C-alpha cells in the first residue's frame, strides 16, 4: 500500500474541503486515523465489511471477537443501531458529547462482520469537532477502535506525526487535529445499570 495521506484539519473550525477529502476516503472503503475527545482512533465506514476486516487486522484481532464502537454525531439515529429505553437515553443525552462509550444491546440493523451477530454495540459521541464533522458528512456512524501503542509507558499515541510514521503503510489517511490525549473513554454498560467496564476520562456518576 502506498503511503497514507496526511490531512491537517483545524480542531476548532474544521475546513469543509478537508472533511470532504477524508470522507471520500471512507466512502471508497478506506481507513482513517482521526482525533476524538480522548485518544486518536482508527475508523472506517460501518457498512464496508472489507474495511472493518482491515481494521481488525491492524488491531490483531478477529472481526467476530473485536469490541468496536460506533462513532455518532448525535443521538438522533441511535435507535437504528441499539435498543434503548427512556431512562438510559436521558443519561446519555446529559453525558454526550463526552468521553464515554456506552455499551448497549445491538439492534438487528448492526452489520454482521465475519458472520458474527454482535449482541452489543458501543456508542460514542465524542466532544470533538473534527470527529463529529466526519460522521455528519458521511451520513452514518464510523466504526472505530482506539490506537494503542506497544510502549508500556505511553499506552496511546498522542502525536499525529508519530502516528503517521507508524501507520502510514497500514491506513489510507491520518488526520492531524492537534495533540491527542492518552486517557481513553470510560466504557459504561448501559444495559446493566451503568456499570463501569473501563475507567477512563469521564465520570458517569456526574450524570446519574
Protein backbone atom coordinates (compact mmCIF):
# COMPACT_ATOMS: atom_id res chain seq x y z
CA UNK A 1 0.00 0.00 0.00
CA UNK A 2 1.18 3.49 -0.79
CA UNK A 3 1.75 5.98 2.00
CA UNK A 4 -1.36 7.35 3.65
CA UNK A 5 -2.26 10.97 3.05
CA UNK A 6 -1.63 13.36 5.96
CA UNK A 7 -4.54 15.79 6.35
CA UNK A 8 -4.20 18.73 8.71
CA UNK A 9 -7.61 19.90 9.94
CA UNK A 10 -8.25 22.80 12.30
CA UNK A 11 -9.62 21.39 15.58
CA UNK A 12 -11.97 24.31 16.28
CA UNK A 13 -13.03 25.17 12.74
CA UNK A 14 -12.71 22.05 10.56
CA UNK A 15 -12.29 23.05 6.91
CA UNK A 16 -15.21 21.57 4.89
CA UNK A 17 -12.99 20.64 1.92
CA UNK A 18 -10.62 18.68 4.13
CA UNK A 19 -13.52 16.94 5.88
CA UNK A 20 -14.89 16.01 2.44
CA UNK A 21 -11.48 14.67 1.41
CA UNK A 22 -11.37 12.37 4.43
CA UNK A 23 -14.98 11.25 3.99
CA UNK A 24 -14.33 10.45 0.33
CA UNK A 25 -11.65 8.03 1.53
CA UNK A 26 -14.14 6.42 3.93
CA UNK A 27 -16.78 6.09 1.21
CA UNK A 28 -14.25 4.34 -1.02
CA UNK A 29 -13.58 1.72 1.63
CA UNK A 30 -10.56 3.42 3.17
CA UNK A 31 -9.37 3.53 6.76
CA UNK A 32 -8.54 6.75 8.54
CA UNK A 33 -6.90 7.68 11.82
CA UNK A 34 -8.58 10.69 13.37
CA UNK A 35 -8.82 12.62 16.65
CA UNK A 36 -11.54 12.23 19.27
CA UNK A 37 -12.03 13.95 22.63
CA UNK A 38 -9.81 11.29 24.20
CA UNK A 39 -7.27 9.34 22.11
CA UNK A 40 -6.81 9.02 18.37
CA UNK A 41 -8.91 6.31 16.77
CA UNK A 42 -8.79 4.08 13.69
CA UNK A 43 -12.06 4.25 11.79
CA UNK A 44 -13.95 3.16 8.69
CA UNK A 45 -17.49 3.15 7.30
CA UNK A 46 -19.61 0.70 9.36
CA UNK A 47 -21.14 -0.68 6.15
CA UNK A 48 -17.85 -1.64 4.47
CA UNK A 49 -17.06 -5.17 5.63
CA UNK A 50 -13.64 -5.31 3.93
CA UNK A 51 -12.58 -2.09 5.66
CA UNK A 52 -13.77 -3.48 9.01
CA UNK A 53 -11.67 -6.60 8.40
CA UNK A 54 -8.63 -4.40 7.70
CA UNK A 55 -9.16 -2.50 10.97
CA UNK A 56 -9.29 -5.83 12.80
CA UNK A 57 -6.09 -6.97 11.09
CA UNK A 58 -4.32 -3.80 12.26
CA UNK A 59 -5.50 -4.50 15.81
CA UNK A 60 -4.54 -8.17 15.51
CA UNK A 61 -7.98 -9.49 16.41
CA UNK A 62 -10.73 -11.44 14.65
CA UNK A 63 -13.70 -9.46 13.35
CA UNK A 64 -16.18 -11.58 15.32
CA UNK A 65 -14.26 -11.02 18.58
CA UNK A 66 -13.26 -7.37 18.48
CA UNK A 67 -15.04 -4.76 20.57
CA UNK A 68 -15.74 -1.89 18.22
CA UNK A 69 -17.56 1.36 18.77
CA UNK A 70 -19.89 3.31 16.53
CA UNK A 71 -18.94 6.99 16.45
CA UNK A 72 -22.14 9.02 16.03
CA UNK A 73 -22.64 12.75 15.52
CA UNK A 74 -25.57 12.84 17.95
CA UNK A 75 -28.25 10.54 19.38
CA UNK A 76 -30.81 11.16 16.61
CA UNK A 77 -30.44 7.76 14.96
CA UNK A 78 -29.25 5.77 17.94
CA UNK A 79 -32.34 3.51 17.93
CA UNK A 80 -31.29 2.34 14.45
CA UNK A 81 -28.31 0.53 15.98
CA UNK A 82 -29.13 -0.05 19.64
CA UNK A 83 -32.03 -0.93 21.87
CA UNK A 84 -32.50 1.90 24.32
CA UNK A 85 -35.11 2.82 26.92
CA UNK A 86 -36.08 6.31 28.01
CA UNK A 87 -34.10 6.45 31.31
CA UNK A 88 -30.92 5.30 29.53
CA UNK A 89 -31.47 7.82 26.74
CA UNK A 90 -31.82 10.64 29.28
CA UNK A 91 -28.48 9.78 30.92
CA UNK A 92 -26.73 9.54 27.56
CA UNK A 93 -28.22 12.85 26.43
CA UNK A 94 -26.73 14.55 29.52
CA UNK A 95 -23.32 12.86 29.20
CA UNK A 96 -22.83 13.25 25.44
CA UNK A 97 -20.95 14.61 23.59
CA UNK A 98 -18.30 13.45 26.02
CA UNK A 99 -15.58 10.91 26.86
CA UNK A 100 -17.86 7.89 27.23
CA UNK A 101 -18.54 4.67 25.33
CA UNK A 102 -22.00 3.33 26.17
CA UNK A 103 -22.43 -0.40 25.63
CA UNK A 104 -26.00 -1.19 24.58
CA UNK A 105 -27.88 -4.19 23.25
CA UNK A 106 -27.43 -4.16 19.48
CA UNK A 107 -30.40 -3.87 17.12
CA UNK A 108 -30.89 -6.08 14.08
CA UNK A 109 -29.53 -3.26 11.89
CA UNK A 110 -25.99 -3.61 13.25
CA UNK A 111 -23.99 -5.14 10.37
CA UNK A 112 -22.70 -8.68 10.77
CA UNK A 113 -18.94 -8.88 10.48
CA UNK A 114 -17.25 -12.20 9.70
CA UNK A 115 -20.62 -13.90 10.05
CA UNK A 116 -20.96 -12.85 13.67
CA UNK A 117 -24.05 -11.32 15.16
CA UNK A 118 -22.91 -8.83 17.77
CA UNK A 119 -25.20 -8.79 20.78
CA UNK A 120 -23.90 -5.44 21.99
CA UNK A 121 -22.60 -2.27 20.41
CA UNK A 122 -20.56 0.58 21.84
CA UNK A 123 -21.94 4.05 21.11
CA UNK A 124 -19.67 7.12 21.18
CA UNK A 125 -20.47 10.78 20.57
CA UNK A 126 -17.06 12.41 21.13
CA UNK A 127 -16.77 16.06 22.09
CA UNK A 128 -14.50 16.71 19.11
CA UNK A 129 -15.50 18.91 16.17
CA UNK A 130 -13.44 17.00 13.60
CA UNK A 131 -14.91 13.63 14.55
CA UNK A 132 -18.47 14.99 14.59
CA UNK A 133 -17.97 16.72 11.22
CA UNK A 134 -16.67 13.48 9.67
CA UNK A 135 -19.70 11.50 10.81
CA UNK A 136 -22.15 14.23 9.75
CA UNK A 137 -20.62 14.40 6.27
CA UNK A 138 -20.52 10.60 5.91
CA UNK A 139 -24.18 10.27 6.86
CA UNK A 140 -23.80 7.20 9.09
CA UNK A 141 -21.59 6.19 12.02
CA UNK A 142 -17.88 5.48 11.74
CA UNK A 143 -16.79 2.13 13.13
CA UNK A 144 -13.87 2.87 15.41
CA UNK A 145 -11.29 1.44 17.75
CA UNK A 146 -8.51 3.12 19.70
CA UNK A 147 -4.85 3.29 18.75
CA UNK A 148 -2.72 1.50 21.29
CA UNK A 149 1.00 1.97 21.50
CA UNK A 150 3.19 -1.06 22.25
CA UNK A 151 5.24 1.06 24.64
CA UNK A 152 4.08 0.27 28.18
CA UNK A 153 4.76 3.77 29.43
CA UNK A 154 2.79 5.54 26.71
CA UNK A 155 -0.20 3.31 26.06
CA UNK A 156 -1.80 5.58 23.49
CA UNK A 157 -0.18 7.53 20.70
CA UNK A 158 -0.83 11.25 21.03
CA UNK A 159 1.39 12.89 18.38
CA UNK A 160 -0.23 12.86 14.89
CA UNK A 161 3.15 12.95 13.13
CA UNK A 162 4.43 9.95 15.09
CA UNK A 163 1.13 8.17 14.44
CA UNK A 164 1.62 8.84 10.72
CA UNK A 165 5.15 7.43 10.81
CA UNK A 166 3.88 4.25 12.43
CA UNK A 167 0.68 3.66 10.47
CA UNK A 168 1.23 5.28 7.07
CA UNK A 169 1.62 1.90 5.33
CA UNK A 170 -1.43 0.42 7.05
CA UNK A 171 -4.13 3.07 6.65
CA UNK A 172 -5.26 5.44 3.91
CA UNK A 173 -5.26 8.75 5.78
CA UNK A 174 -4.05 10.22 9.05
CA UNK A 175 -5.79 13.38 10.22
CA UNK A 176 -3.75 15.82 12.24
CA UNK A 177 -6.19 17.55 14.56
CA UNK A 178 -3.62 18.54 17.15
CA UNK A 179 -2.22 16.55 20.08
CA UNK A 180 -4.41 13.75 21.40
CA UNK A 181 -4.92 12.69 24.99
CA UNK A 182 -3.52 9.50 26.46
CA UNK A 183 -6.56 8.55 28.53
CA UNK A 184 -9.27 6.53 26.79
CA UNK A 185 -13.02 6.94 27.13
CA UNK A 186 -14.87 5.49 30.11
CA UNK A 187 -16.75 2.38 28.99
CA UNK A 188 -20.17 2.05 30.61
CA UNK A 189 -22.54 -0.93 30.39
CA UNK A 190 -25.75 1.00 29.80
CA UNK A 191 -27.75 -2.23 29.65
CA UNK A 192 -26.61 -3.20 33.15
CA UNK A 193 -27.30 -0.25 35.44
CA UNK A 194 -24.40 1.83 34.04
CA UNK A 195 -21.70 -0.46 35.39
CA UNK A 196 -18.25 0.93 34.56
CA UNK A 197 -16.39 -1.65 32.45
CA UNK A 198 -13.28 0.50 31.98
CA UNK A 199 -12.26 3.57 33.93
CA UNK A 200 -11.33 6.40 31.62
CA UNK A 201 -11.59 10.13 31.08
CA UNK A 202 -15.25 10.51 32.07
CA UNK A 203 -17.05 10.12 35.42
CA UNK A 204 -20.51 8.67 34.76
CA UNK A 205 -21.61 9.31 38.37
CA UNK A 206 -21.98 13.00 37.47
CA UNK A 207 -24.86 12.15 35.11
CA UNK A 208 -26.80 9.50 37.03
